[in-house]
Every structure is written in C-alpha cells, then in structure tokens.
Amino acid sequence: MTDKKWYKSKTKWGTLLIGVSVVLGTVGGWLSGSIDAGSAFTALM
C-alpha cells in the first residue's frame, strides 16, 4: 500500500515539475525573443 502511495506522489510531483519547466521555457523564450532558444528547449524535452 505504501509503495502505491509513494508512486502516486512521485508521479504527481513529476507532472508538476514538467509543467513548471514548460512554462518557464515558454516565458524564457518570449523574454529572450529568440526562436532558437525555444527550439533548443523543445529538443531537450
């Protein structure tokens, strides 16, 4: 039972971190005004 709870929690945080990364990457791309930065970020994902 504990393993399932831990896995669920880990998955939730992983999803949250990915969401934050995407938002930061998008905002960073807009701020720099560089399409290349956005392309590089997309390639990393």
PDB file of N, CA and C in Angstrom:
ATOM      1  N   MET A   1       0.833  -1.194   0.000  1.00  0.00           N
ATOM      2  CA  MET A   1       0.000   0.000   0.000  1.00  0.00           C
ATOM      3  C   MET A   1       0.879   1.260   0.000  1.00  0.00           C
ATOM      4  N   THR A   2       1.921   1.235   0.796  1.00  0.00           N
ATOM      5  CA  THR A   2       2.804   2.408   0.886  1.00  0.00           C
ATOM      6  C   THR A   2       3.474   2.690  -0.464  1.00  0.00           C
ATOM      7  N   ASP A   3       3.867   1.614  -1.155  1.00  0.00           N
ATOM      8  CA  ASP A   3       4.530   1.792  -2.452  1.00  0.00           C
ATOM      9  C   ASP A   3       3.627   2.519  -3.449  1.00  0.00           C
ATOM     10  N   LYS A   4       2.345   2.139  -3.451  1.00  0.00           N
ATOM     11  CA  LYS A   4       1.410   2.784  -4.380  1.00  0.00           C
ATOM     12  C   LYS A   4       1.274   4.263  -4.052  1.00  0.00           C
ATOM     13  N   LYS A   5       1.180   4.570  -2.768  1.00  0.00           N
ATOM     14  CA  LYS A   5       1.027   5.954  -2.343  1.00  0.00           C
ATOM     15  C   LYS A   5       2.260   6.758  -2.766  1.00  0.00           C
ATOM     16  N   TRP A   6       3.435   6.171  -2.539  1.00  0.00           N
ATOM     17  CA  TRP A   6       4.688   6.841  -2.879  1.00  0.00           C
ATOM     18  C   TRP A   6       4.763   7.086  -4.389  1.00  0.00           C
ATOM     19  N   TYR A   7       4.374   6.071  -5.165  1.00  0.00           N
ATOM     20  CA  TYR A   7       4.417   6.194  -6.622  1.00  0.00           C
ATOM     21  C   TYR A   7       3.485   7.289  -7.110  1.00  0.00           C
ATOM     22  N   LYS A   8       2.288   7.332  -6.532  1.00  0.00           N
ATOM     23  CA  LYS A   8       1.307   8.352  -6.920  1.00  0.00           C
ATOM     24  C   LYS A   8       1.861   9.741  -6.627  1.00  0.00           C
ATOM     25  N   SER A   9       2.464   9.884  -5.445  1.00  0.00           N
ATOM     26  CA  SER A   9       3.016  11.171  -5.041  1.00  0.00           C
ATOM     27  C   SER A   9       4.147  11.569  -5.986  1.00  0.00           C
ATOM     28  N   LYS A  10       5.013  10.604  -6.294  1.00  0.00           N
ATOM     29  CA  LYS A  10       6.142  10.872  -7.186  1.00  0.00           C
ATOM     30  C   LYS A  10       5.645  11.290  -8.565  1.00  0.00           C
ATOM     31  N   THR A  11       4.634  10.606  -9.072  1.00  0.00           N
ATOM     32  CA  THR A  11       4.089  10.927 -10.392  1.00  0.00           C
ATOM     33  C   THR A  11       3.500  12.327 -10.400  1.00  0.00           C
ATOM     34  N   LYS A  12       2.799  12.673  -9.307  1.00  0.00           N
ATOM     35  CA  LYS A  12       2.177  13.994  -9.209  1.00  0.00           C
ATOM     36  C   LYS A  12       3.251  15.071  -9.256  1.00  0.00           C
ATOM     37  N   TRP A  13       4.310  14.895  -8.484  1.00  0.00           N
ATOM     38  CA  TRP A  13       5.383  15.896  -8.468  1.00  0.00           C
ATOM     39  C   TRP A  13       6.103  15.945  -9.813  1.00  0.00           C
ATOM     40  N   GLY A  14       6.268  14.788 -10.446  1.00  0.00           N
ATOM     41  CA  GLY A  14       6.930  14.752 -11.750  1.00  0.00           C
ATOM     42  C   GLY A  14       6.133  15.537 -12.777  1.00  0.00           C
ATOM     43  N   THR A  15       4.818  15.363 -12.757  1.00  0.00           N
ATOM     44  CA  THR A  15       3.946  16.089 -13.688  1.00  0.00           C
ATOM     45  C   THR A  15       4.027  17.585 -13.415  1.00  0.00           C
ATOM     46  N   LEU A  16       4.031  17.937 -12.141  1.00  0.00           N
ATOM     47  CA  LEU A  16       4.096  19.350 -11.750  1.00  0.00           C
ATOM     48  C   LEU A  16       5.406  19.972 -12.226  1.00  0.00           C
ATOM     49  N   LEU A  17       6.511  19.246 -12.029  1.00  0.00           N
ATOM     50  CA  LEU A  17       7.817  19.764 -12.437  1.00  0.00           C
ATOM     51  C   LEU A  17       7.892  19.962 -13.945  1.00  0.00           C
ATOM     52  N   ILE A  18       7.322  19.012 -14.697  1.00  0.00           N
ATOM     53  CA  ILE A  18       7.327  19.139 -16.161  1.00  0.00           C
ATOM     54  C   ILE A  18       6.522  20.361 -16.576  1.00  0.00           C
ATOM     55  N   GLY A  19       5.357  20.542 -15.917  1.00  0.00           N
ATOM     56  CA  GLY A  19       4.521  21.699 -16.228  1.00  0.00           C
ATOM     57  C   GLY A  19       5.255  23.001 -15.969  1.00  0.00           C
ATOM     58  N   VAL A  20       5.933  23.070 -14.827  1.00  0.00           N
ATOM     59  CA  VAL A  20       6.684  24.276 -14.474  1.00  0.00           C
ATOM     60  C   VAL A  20       7.804  24.509 -15.487  1.00  0.00           C
ATOM     61  N   SER A  21       8.495  23.437 -15.872  1.00  0.00           N
ATOM     62  CA  SER A  21       9.594  23.555 -16.835  1.00  0.00           C
ATOM     63  C   SER A  21       9.103  24.110 -18.165  1.00  0.00           C
ATOM     64  N   VAL A  22       7.954  23.606 -18.624  1.00  0.00           N
ATOM     65  CA  VAL A  22       7.391  24.072 -19.901  1.00  0.00           C
ATOM     66  C   VAL A  22       7.037  25.556 -19.812  1.00  0.00           C
ATOM     67  N   VAL A  23       6.405  25.933 -18.700  1.00  0.00           N
ATOM     68  CA  VAL A  23       6.014  27.340 -18.533  1.00  0.00           C
ATOM     69  C   VAL A  23       7.247  28.234 -18.497  1.00  0.00           C
ATOM     70  N   LEU A  24       8.248  27.834 -17.723  1.00  0.00           N
ATOM     71  CA  LEU A  24       9.470  28.641 -17.624  1.00  0.00           C
ATOM     72  C   LEU A  24      10.168  28.737 -18.974  1.00  0.00           C
ATOM     73  N   GLY A  25      10.194  27.611 -19.697  1.00  0.00           N
ATOM     74  CA  GLY A  25      10.835  27.605 -21.007  1.00  0.00           C
ATOM     75  C   GLY A  25      10.122  28.527 -21.980  1.00  0.00           C
ATOM     76  N   THR A  26       8.782  28.502 -21.941  1.00  0.00           N
ATOM     77  CA  THR A  26       7.991  29.358 -22.829  1.00  0.00           C
ATOM     78  C   THR A  26       8.204  30.823 -22.497  1.00  0.00           C
ATOM     79  N   VAL A  27       8.138  31.147 -21.209  1.00  0.00           N
ATOM     80  CA  VAL A  27       8.333  32.540 -20.777  1.00  0.00           C
ATOM     81  C   VAL A  27       9.747  32.990 -21.124  1.00  0.00           C
ATOM     82  N   GLY A  28      10.710  32.116 -20.902  1.00  0.00           N
ATOM     83  CA  GLY A  28      12.096  32.457 -21.220  1.00  0.00           C
ATOM     84  C   GLY A  28      12.260  32.738 -22.706  1.00  0.00           C
ATOM     85  N   GLY A  29      11.563  31.940 -23.528  1.00  0.00           N
ATOM     86  CA  GLY A  29      11.635  32.136 -24.974  1.00  0.00           C
ATOM     87  C   GLY A  29      11.056  33.488 -25.366  1.00  0.00           C
ATOM     88  N   TRP A  30       9.929  33.845 -24.735  1.00  0.00           N
ATOM     89  CA  TRP A  30       9.305  35.131 -25.039  1.00  0.00           C
ATOM     90  C   TRP A  30      10.207  36.281 -24.611  1.00  0.00           C
ATOM     91  N   LEU A  31      10.775  36.175 -23.411  1.00  0.00           N
ATOM     92  CA  LEU A  31      11.614  37.247 -22.869  1.00  0.00           C
ATOM     93  C   LEU A  31      12.849  37.463 -23.737  1.00  0.00           C
ATOM     94  N   SER A  32      13.464  36.364 -24.168  1.00  0.00           N
ATOM     95  CA  SER A  32      14.667  36.498 -24.985  1.00  0.00           C
ATOM     96  C   SER A  32      14.301  36.830 -26.426  1.00  0.00           C
ATOM     97  N   GLY A  33      13.033  36.526 -26.799  1.00  0.00           N
ATOM     98  CA  GLY A  33      12.583  36.802 -28.163  1.00  0.00           C
ATOM     99  C   GLY A  33      13.341  35.959 -29.162  1.00  0.00           C
ATOM    100  N   SER A  34      13.869  34.840 -28.680  1.00  0.00           N
ATOM    101  CA  SER A  34      14.674  34.001 -29.553  1.00  0.00           C
ATOM    102  C   SER A  34      13.958  32.698 -29.874  1.00  0.00           C
ATOM    103  N   ILE A  35      13.702  32.466 -31.148  1.00  0.00           N
ATOM    104  CA  ILE A  35      13.054  31.227 -31.581  1.00  0.00           C
ATOM    105  C   ILE A  35      14.036  30.068 -31.387  1.00  0.00           C
ATOM    106  N   ASP A  36      15.324  30.345 -31.548  1.00  0.00           N
ATOM    107  CA  ASP A  36      16.336  29.301 -31.396  1.00  0.00           C
ATOM    108  C   ASP A  36      16.303  28.724 -29.987  1.00  0.00           C
ATOM    109  N   ALA A  37      16.135  29.599 -28.989  1.00  0.00           N
ATOM    110  CA  ALA A  37      16.093  29.140 -27.597  1.00  0.00           C
ATOM    111  C   ALA A  37      14.895  28.217 -27.406  1.00  0.00           C
ATOM    112  N   GLY A  38      13.766  28.596 -28.000  1.00  0.00           N
ATOM    113  CA  GLY A  38      12.571  27.772 -27.889  1.00  0.00           C
ATOM    114  C   GLY A  38      12.775  26.428 -28.556  1.00  0.00           C
ATOM    115  N   SER A  39      13.428  26.430 -29.711  1.00  0.00           N
ATOM    116  CA  SER A  39      13.670  25.181 -30.432  1.00  0.00           C
ATOM    117  C   SER A  39      14.599  24.278 -29.633  1.00  0.00           C
ATOM    118  N   ALA A  40      15.617  24.874 -29.032  1.00  0.00           N
ATOM    119  CA  ALA A  40      16.569  24.093 -28.237  1.00  0.00           C
ATOM    120  C   ALA A  40      15.855  23.485 -27.041  1.00  0.00           C
ATOM    121  N   PHE A  41      14.975  24.265 -26.409  1.00  0.00           N
ATOM    122  CA  PHE A  41      14.239  23.770 -25.248  1.00  0.00           C
ATOM    123  C   PHE A  41      13.340  22.614 -25.651  1.00  0.00           C
ATOM    124  N   THR A  42      12.665  22.768 -26.795  1.00  0.00           N
ATOM    125  CA  THR A  42      11.764  21.715 -27.273  1.00  0.00           C
ATOM    126  C   THR A  42      12.560  20.447 -27.567  1.00  0.00           C
ATOM    127  N   ALA A  43      13.747  20.614 -28.129  1.00  0.00           N
ATOM    128  CA  ALA A  43      14.584  19.465 -28.463  1.00  0.00           C
ATOM    129  C   ALA A  43      15.007  18.732 -27.182  1.00  0.00           C
ATOM    130  N   LEU A  44      15.251  19.491 -26.115  1.00  0.00           N
ATOM    131  CA  LEU A  44      15.649  18.874 -24.846  1.00  0.00           C
ATOM    132  C   LEU A  44      14.514  18.041 -24.277  1.00  0.00           C
ATOM    133  N   MET A  45      13.278  18.498 -24.455  1.00  0.00           N
ATOM    134  CA  MET A  45      12.132  17.743 -23.969  1.00  0.00           C
ATOM    135  C   MET A  45      11.904  16.586 -24.922  1.00  0.00           C
TER     136      MET A  45
END
